[in-house]
Amino acid sequence: GLMAGESVRTITGRLDSWQLFEFLKK
């Protein structure tokens, strides 16, 4: 399994929905 990291968040720490979607899909 994989755990999403800080790179799926914006510079302010909020969850970046597009980056999370890309992480899960890829």
PDB file of all heavy atoms in Angstrom:
ATOM      1  N   GLY A   1       0.817  -1.201   0.000  1.00  0.00           N
ATOM      2  CA  GLY A   1       0.000   0.000   0.000  1.00  0.00           C
ATOM      3  C   GLY A   1       0.854   1.255   0.000  1.00  0.00           C
ATOM      4  O   GLY A   1       2.063   1.212   0.227  1.00  0.00           O
ATOM      5  N   LEU A   2       0.202   2.385  -0.278  1.00  0.00           N
ATOM      6  CA  LEU A   2       0.854   3.689  -0.315  1.00  0.00           C
ATOM      7  C   LEU A   2       0.090   4.665   0.563  1.00  0.00           C
ATOM      8  O   LEU A   2      -1.142   4.623   0.628  1.00  0.00           O
ATOM      9  CB  LEU A   2       0.891   4.246  -1.741  1.00  0.00           C
ATOM     10  CG  LEU A   2       1.530   3.405  -2.846  1.00  0.00           C
ATOM     11  CD1 LEU A   2       1.474   4.179  -4.164  1.00  0.00           C
ATOM     12  CD2 LEU A   2       2.951   3.052  -2.498  1.00  0.00           C
ATOM     13  N   MET A   3       0.830   5.574   1.206  1.00  0.00           N
ATOM     14  CA  MET A   3       0.221   6.646   1.981  1.00  0.00           C
ATOM     15  C   MET A   3       0.525   7.979   1.314  1.00  0.00           C
ATOM     16  O   MET A   3       1.685   8.291   1.034  1.00  0.00           O
ATOM     17  CB  MET A   3       0.771   6.671   3.408  1.00  0.00           C
ATOM     18  CG  MET A   3       0.515   5.428   4.219  1.00  0.00           C
ATOM     19  SD  MET A   3       1.100   5.658   5.922  1.00  0.00           S
ATOM     20  CE  MET A   3       0.979   3.984   6.553  1.00  0.00           C
ATOM     21  N   ALA A   4      -0.514   8.763   1.066  1.00  0.00           N
ATOM     22  CA  ALA A   4      -0.315  10.085   0.477  1.00  0.00           C
ATOM     23  C   ALA A   4       0.438  10.978   1.460  1.00  0.00           C
ATOM     24  O   ALA A   4       0.218  10.909   2.674  1.00  0.00           O
ATOM     25  CB  ALA A   4      -1.657  10.711   0.122  1.00  0.00           C
ATOM     26  N   GLY A   5       1.324  11.826   0.926  1.00  0.00           N
ATOM     27  CA  GLY A   5       2.129  12.693   1.778  1.00  0.00           C
ATOM     28  C   GLY A   5       1.793  14.162   1.641  1.00  0.00           C
ATOM     29  O   GLY A   5       0.734  14.549   1.135  1.00  0.00           O
ATOM     30  N   GLU A   6       2.728  14.995   2.076  1.00  0.00           N
ATOM     31  CA  GLU A   6       2.513  16.437   2.065  1.00  0.00           C
ATOM     32  C   GLU A   6       2.382  16.994   0.656  1.00  0.00           C
ATOM     33  O   GLU A   6       1.861  18.089   0.467  1.00  0.00           O
ATOM     34  CB  GLU A   6       3.665  17.138   2.788  1.00  0.00           C
ATOM     35  CG  GLU A   6       3.663  16.919   4.294  1.00  0.00           C
ATOM     36  CD  GLU A   6       2.394  17.443   4.950  1.00  0.00           C
ATOM     37  OE1 GLU A   6       2.025  18.608   4.701  1.00  0.00           O
ATOM     38  OE2 GLU A   6       1.771  16.676   5.703  1.00  0.00           O
ATOM     39  N   SER A   7       2.852  16.259  -0.350  1.00  0.00           N
ATOM     40  CA  SER A   7       2.777  16.758  -1.719  1.00  0.00           C
ATOM     41  C   SER A   7       1.349  16.761  -2.261  1.00  0.00           C
ATOM     42  O   SER A   7       1.105  17.275  -3.350  1.00  0.00           O
ATOM     43  CB  SER A   7       3.677  15.936  -2.649  1.00  0.00           C
ATOM     44  OG  SER A   7       3.306  14.583  -2.622  1.00  0.00           O
ATOM     45  N   VAL A   8       0.391  16.195  -1.507  1.00  0.00           N
ATOM     46  CA  VAL A   8      -1.015  16.304  -1.920  1.00  0.00           C
ATOM     47  C   VAL A   8      -1.696  17.427  -1.146  1.00  0.00           C
ATOM     48  O   VAL A   8      -2.924  17.486  -1.085  1.00  0.00           O
ATOM     49  CB  VAL A   8      -1.781  14.976  -1.750  1.00  0.00           C
ATOM     50  CG1 VAL A   8      -1.128  13.880  -2.561  1.00  0.00           C
ATOM     51  CG2 VAL A   8      -1.912  14.581  -0.280  1.00  0.00           C
ATOM     52  N   ARG A   9      -0.879  18.310  -0.569  1.00  0.00           N
ATOM     53  CA  ARG A   9      -1.403  19.465   0.159  1.00  0.00           C
ATOM     54  C   ARG A   9      -0.829  20.755  -0.424  1.00  0.00           C
ATOM     55  O   ARG A   9       0.227  20.758  -1.050  1.00  0.00           O
ATOM     56  CB  ARG A   9      -1.079  19.366   1.656  1.00  0.00           C
ATOM     57  CG  ARG A   9      -1.787  18.200   2.324  1.00  0.00           C
ATOM     58  CD  ARG A   9      -1.590  18.168   3.822  1.00  0.00           C
ATOM     59  NE  ARG A   9      -2.396  17.092   4.415  1.00  0.00           N
ATOM     60  CZ  ARG A   9      -3.647  17.236   4.789  1.00  0.00           C
ATOM     61  NH1 ARG A   9      -4.242  18.418   4.667  1.00  0.00           N
ATOM     62  NH2 ARG A   9      -4.328  16.225   5.295  1.00  0.00           N
ATOM     63  N   THR A  10      -1.534  21.844  -0.193  1.00  0.00           N
ATOM     64  CA  THR A  10      -1.072  23.151  -0.653  1.00  0.00           C
ATOM     65  C   THR A  10       0.013  23.654   0.289  1.00  0.00           C
ATOM     66  O   THR A  10       0.282  23.050   1.343  1.00  0.00           O
ATOM     67  CB  THR A  10      -2.226  24.157  -0.672  1.00  0.00           C
ATOM     68  OG1 THR A  10      -2.652  24.408   0.689  1.00  0.00           O
ATOM     69  CG2 THR A  10      -3.413  23.613  -1.470  1.00  0.00           C
ATOM     70  N   ILE A  11       0.629  24.780  -0.059  1.00  0.00           N
ATOM     71  CA  ILE A  11       1.688  25.331   0.789  1.00  0.00           C
ATOM     72  C   ILE A  11       1.151  25.781   2.145  1.00  0.00           C
ATOM     73  O   ILE A  11       1.918  25.945   3.101  1.00  0.00           O
ATOM     74  CB  ILE A  11       2.410  26.507   0.089  1.00  0.00           C
ATOM     75  CG1 ILE A  11       1.402  27.605  -0.259  1.00  0.00           C
ATOM     76  CG2 ILE A  11       3.146  26.031  -1.146  1.00  0.00           C
ATOM     77  CD1 ILE A  11       2.068  28.853  -0.820  1.00  0.00           C
ATOM     78  N   THR A  12      -0.151  25.979   2.245  1.00  0.00           N
ATOM     79  CA  THR A  12      -0.754  26.352   3.529  1.00  0.00           C
ATOM     80  C   THR A  12      -1.181  25.133   4.339  1.00  0.00           C
ATOM     81  O   THR A  12      -1.712  25.267   5.439  1.00  0.00           O
ATOM     82  CB  THR A  12      -1.975  27.265   3.309  1.00  0.00           C
ATOM     83  OG1 THR A  12      -2.967  26.562   2.541  1.00  0.00           O
ATOM     84  CG2 THR A  12      -1.567  28.536   2.577  1.00  0.00           C
ATOM     85  N   GLY A  13      -0.965  23.925   3.785  1.00  0.00           N
ATOM     86  CA  GLY A  13      -1.288  22.708   4.509  1.00  0.00           C
ATOM     87  C   GLY A  13      -2.662  22.145   4.235  1.00  0.00           C
ATOM     88  O   GLY A  13      -3.018  21.081   4.751  1.00  0.00           O
ATOM     89  N   ARG A  14      -3.450  22.824   3.426  1.00  0.00           N
ATOM     90  CA  ARG A  14      -4.785  22.324   3.107  1.00  0.00           C
ATOM     91  C   ARG A  14      -4.704  21.196   2.080  1.00  0.00           C
ATOM     92  O   ARG A  14      -3.811  21.176   1.235  1.00  0.00           O
ATOM     93  CB  ARG A  14      -5.670  23.451   2.579  1.00  0.00           C
ATOM     94  CG  ARG A  14      -5.941  24.547   3.588  1.00  0.00           C
ATOM     95  CD  ARG A  14      -6.795  25.643   2.979  1.00  0.00           C
ATOM     96  NE  ARG A  14      -8.111  25.146   2.619  1.00  0.00           N
ATOM     97  CZ  ARG A  14      -9.136  25.041   3.450  1.00  0.00           C
ATOM     98  NH1 ARG A  14      -8.985  25.390   4.708  1.00  0.00           N
ATOM     99  NH2 ARG A  14     -10.309  24.582   3.040  1.00  0.00           N
ATOM    100  N   LEU A  15      -5.641  20.276   2.168  1.00  0.00           N
ATOM    101  CA  LEU A  15      -5.662  19.161   1.233  1.00  0.00           C
ATOM    102  C   LEU A  15      -5.935  19.678  -0.175  1.00  0.00           C
ATOM    103  O   LEU A  15      -6.878  20.434  -0.404  1.00  0.00           O
ATOM    104  CB  LEU A  15      -6.745  18.165   1.639  1.00  0.00           C
ATOM    105  CG  LEU A  15      -6.752  16.823   0.897  1.00  0.00           C
ATOM    106  CD1 LEU A  15      -5.515  16.011   1.253  1.00  0.00           C
ATOM    107  CD2 LEU A  15      -8.020  16.032   1.258  1.00  0.00           C
ATOM    108  N   ASP A  16      -5.089  19.268  -1.113  1.00  0.00           N
ATOM    109  CA  ASP A  16      -5.256  19.631  -2.518  1.00  0.00           C
ATOM    110  C   ASP A  16      -6.029  18.500  -3.191  1.00  0.00           C
ATOM    111  O   ASP A  16      -5.483  17.422  -3.431  1.00  0.00           O
ATOM    112  CB  ASP A  16      -3.884  19.813  -3.170  1.00  0.00           C
ATOM    113  CG  ASP A  16      -3.964  20.330  -4.604  1.00  0.00           C
ATOM    114  OD1 ASP A  16      -4.857  19.874  -5.351  1.00  0.00           O
ATOM    115  OD2 ASP A  16      -3.120  21.161  -4.982  1.00  0.00           O
ATOM    116  N   SER A  17      -7.298  18.740  -3.475  1.00  0.00           N
ATOM    117  CA  SER A  17      -8.153  17.670  -3.972  1.00  0.00           C
ATOM    118  C   SER A  17      -7.657  17.093  -5.289  1.00  0.00           C
ATOM    119  O   SER A  17      -7.738  15.877  -5.514  1.00  0.00           O
ATOM    120  CB  SER A  17      -9.596  18.164  -4.125  1.00  0.00           C
ATOM    121  OG  SER A  17      -9.661  19.271  -4.990  1.00  0.00           O
ATOM    122  N   TRP A  18      -7.110  17.943  -6.175  1.00  0.00           N
ATOM    123  CA  TRP A  18      -6.631  17.445  -7.464  1.00  0.00           C
ATOM    124  C   TRP A  18      -5.398  16.555  -7.288  1.00  0.00           C
ATOM    125  O   TRP A  18      -5.294  15.488  -7.902  1.00  0.00           O
ATOM    126  CB  TRP A  18      -6.318  18.597  -8.410  1.00  0.00           C
ATOM    127  CG  TRP A  18      -5.731  18.136  -9.716  1.00  0.00           C
ATOM    128  CD1 TRP A  18      -4.450  18.313 -10.164  1.00  0.00           C
ATOM    129  CD2 TRP A  18      -6.395  17.383 -10.740  1.00  0.00           C
ATOM    130  NE1 TRP A  18      -4.276  17.712 -11.382  1.00  0.00           N
ATOM    131  CE2 TRP A  18      -5.458  17.140 -11.766  1.00  0.00           C
ATOM    132  CE3 TRP A  18      -7.696  16.888 -10.872  1.00  0.00           C
ATOM    133  CZ2 TRP A  18      -5.782  16.427 -12.917  1.00  0.00           C
ATOM    134  CZ3 TRP A  18      -8.017  16.183 -12.021  1.00  0.00           C
ATOM    135  CH2 TRP A  18      -7.065  15.957 -13.028  1.00  0.00           C
ATOM    136  N   GLN A  19      -4.465  16.990  -6.439  1.00  0.00           N
ATOM    137  CA  GLN A  19      -3.263  16.190  -6.199  1.00  0.00           C
ATOM    138  C   GLN A  19      -3.625  14.861  -5.541  1.00  0.00           C
ATOM    139  O   GLN A  19      -3.042  13.820  -5.867  1.00  0.00           O
ATOM    140  CB  GLN A  19      -2.279  16.971  -5.325  1.00  0.00           C
ATOM    141  CG  GLN A  19      -1.608  18.145  -6.013  1.00  0.00           C
ATOM    142  CD  GLN A  19      -0.732  17.708  -7.173  1.00  0.00           C
ATOM    143  OE1 GLN A  19       0.051  16.772  -7.052  1.00  0.00           O
ATOM    144  NE2 GLN A  19      -0.864  18.399  -8.297  1.00  0.00           N
ATOM    145  N   LEU A  20      -4.579  14.880  -4.624  1.00  0.00           N
ATOM    146  CA  LEU A  20      -5.014  13.633  -3.992  1.00  0.00           C
ATOM    147  C   LEU A  20      -5.646  12.710  -5.028  1.00  0.00           C
ATOM    148  O   LEU A  20      -5.350  11.509  -5.065  1.00  0.00           O
ATOM    149  CB  LEU A  20      -6.006  13.925  -2.874  1.00  0.00           C
ATOM    150  CG  LEU A  20      -6.577  12.682  -2.176  1.00  0.00           C
ATOM    151  CD1 LEU A  20      -5.472  11.890  -1.487  1.00  0.00           C
ATOM    152  CD2 LEU A  20      -7.667  13.080  -1.171  1.00  0.00           C
ATOM    153  N   PHE A  21      -6.507  13.267  -5.871  1.00  0.00           N
ATOM    154  CA  PHE A  21      -7.134  12.469  -6.923  1.00  0.00           C
ATOM    155  C   PHE A  21      -6.080  11.845  -7.826  1.00  0.00           C
ATOM    156  O   PHE A  21      -6.151  10.651  -8.156  1.00  0.00           O
ATOM    157  CB  PHE A  21      -8.088  13.339  -7.740  1.00  0.00           C
ATOM    158  CG  PHE A  21      -8.672  12.646  -8.934  1.00  0.00           C
ATOM    159  CD1 PHE A  21      -9.746  11.777  -8.806  1.00  0.00           C
ATOM    160  CD2 PHE A  21      -8.140  12.837 -10.209  1.00  0.00           C
ATOM    161  CE1 PHE A  21     -10.281  11.121  -9.909  1.00  0.00           C
ATOM    162  CE2 PHE A  21      -8.659  12.188 -11.312  1.00  0.00           C
ATOM    163  CZ  PHE A  21      -9.738  11.325 -11.168  1.00  0.00           C
ATOM    164  N   GLU A  22      -5.083  12.647  -8.235  1.00  0.00           N
ATOM    165  CA  GLU A  22      -4.019  12.149  -9.106  1.00  0.00           C
ATOM    166  C   GLU A  22      -3.210  11.051  -8.424  1.00  0.00           C
ATOM    167  O   GLU A  22      -2.853  10.045  -9.045  1.00  0.00           O
ATOM    168  CB  GLU A  22      -3.106  13.304  -9.518  1.00  0.00           C
ATOM    169  CG  GLU A  22      -3.698  14.225 -10.556  1.00  0.00           C
ATOM    170  CD  GLU A  22      -3.697  13.577 -11.932  1.00  0.00           C
ATOM    171  OE1 GLU A  22      -2.624  13.541 -12.562  1.00  0.00           O
ATOM    172  OE2 GLU A  22      -4.764  13.090 -12.359  1.00  0.00           O
ATOM    173  N   PHE A  23      -2.905  11.235  -7.145  1.00  0.00           N
ATOM    174  CA  PHE A  23      -2.158  10.238  -6.391  1.00  0.00           C
ATOM    175  C   PHE A  23      -2.910   8.908  -6.372  1.00  0.00           C
ATOM    176  O   PHE A  23      -2.347   7.845  -6.661  1.00  0.00           O
ATOM    177  CB  PHE A  23      -1.918  10.722  -4.960  1.00  0.00           C
ATOM    178  CG  PHE A  23      -1.498   9.644  -4.007  1.00  0.00           C
ATOM    179  CD1 PHE A  23      -0.193   9.177  -3.993  1.00  0.00           C
ATOM    180  CD2 PHE A  23      -2.416   9.084  -3.130  1.00  0.00           C
ATOM    181  CE1 PHE A  23       0.195   8.171  -3.118  1.00  0.00           C
ATOM    182  CE2 PHE A  23      -2.039   8.074  -2.254  1.00  0.00           C
ATOM    183  CZ  PHE A  23      -0.733   7.619  -2.250  1.00  0.00           C
ATOM    184  N   LEU A  24      -4.185   8.957  -6.048  1.00  0.00           N
ATOM    185  CA  LEU A  24      -4.980   7.730  -5.952  1.00  0.00           C
ATOM    186  C   LEU A  24      -5.161   7.073  -7.317  1.00  0.00           C
ATOM    187  O   LEU A  24      -5.023   5.856  -7.455  1.00  0.00           O
ATOM    188  CB  LEU A  24      -6.337   8.051  -5.324  1.00  0.00           C
ATOM    189  CG  LEU A  24      -6.287   8.513  -3.861  1.00  0.00           C
ATOM    190  CD1 LEU A  24      -7.649   9.036  -3.424  1.00  0.00           C
ATOM    191  CD2 LEU A  24      -5.823   7.398  -2.951  1.00  0.00           C
ATOM    192  N   LYS A  25      -5.453   7.877  -8.326  1.00  0.00           N
ATOM    193  CA  LYS A  25      -5.677   7.333  -9.659  1.00  0.00           C
ATOM    194  C   LYS A  25      -4.408   6.720 -10.247  1.00  0.00           C
ATOM    195  O   LYS A  25      -4.427   5.599 -10.779  1.00  0.00           O
ATOM    196  CB  LYS A  25      -6.205   8.413 -10.599  1.00  0.00           C
ATOM    197  CG  LYS A  25      -6.515   7.910 -12.025  1.00  0.00           C
ATOM    198  CD  LYS A  25      -7.027   9.011 -12.914  1.00  0.00           C
ATOM    199  CE  LYS A  25      -7.453   8.454 -14.282  1.00  0.00           C
ATOM    200  NZ  LYS A  25      -6.358   7.749 -14.970  1.00  0.00           N
ATOM    201  N   LYS A  26      -3.290   7.444 -10.174  1.00  0.00           N
ATOM    202  CA  LYS A  26      -2.044   6.942 -10.748  1.00  0.00           C
ATOM    203  C   LYS A  26      -1.556   5.697 -10.006  1.00  0.00           C
ATOM    204  O   LYS A  26      -1.015   4.772 -10.625  1.00  0.00           O
ATOM    205  CB  LYS A  26      -0.981   8.030 -10.733  1.00  0.00           C
ATOM    206  CG  LYS A  26      -1.238   9.146 -11.744  1.00  0.00           C
ATOM    207  CD  LYS A  26      -0.089  10.142 -11.767  1.00  0.00           C
ATOM    208  CE  LYS A  26      -0.303  11.189 -12.849  1.00  0.00           C
ATOM    209  NZ  LYS A  26       0.826  12.153 -12.922  1.00  0.00           N
TER     210      LYS A  26
END
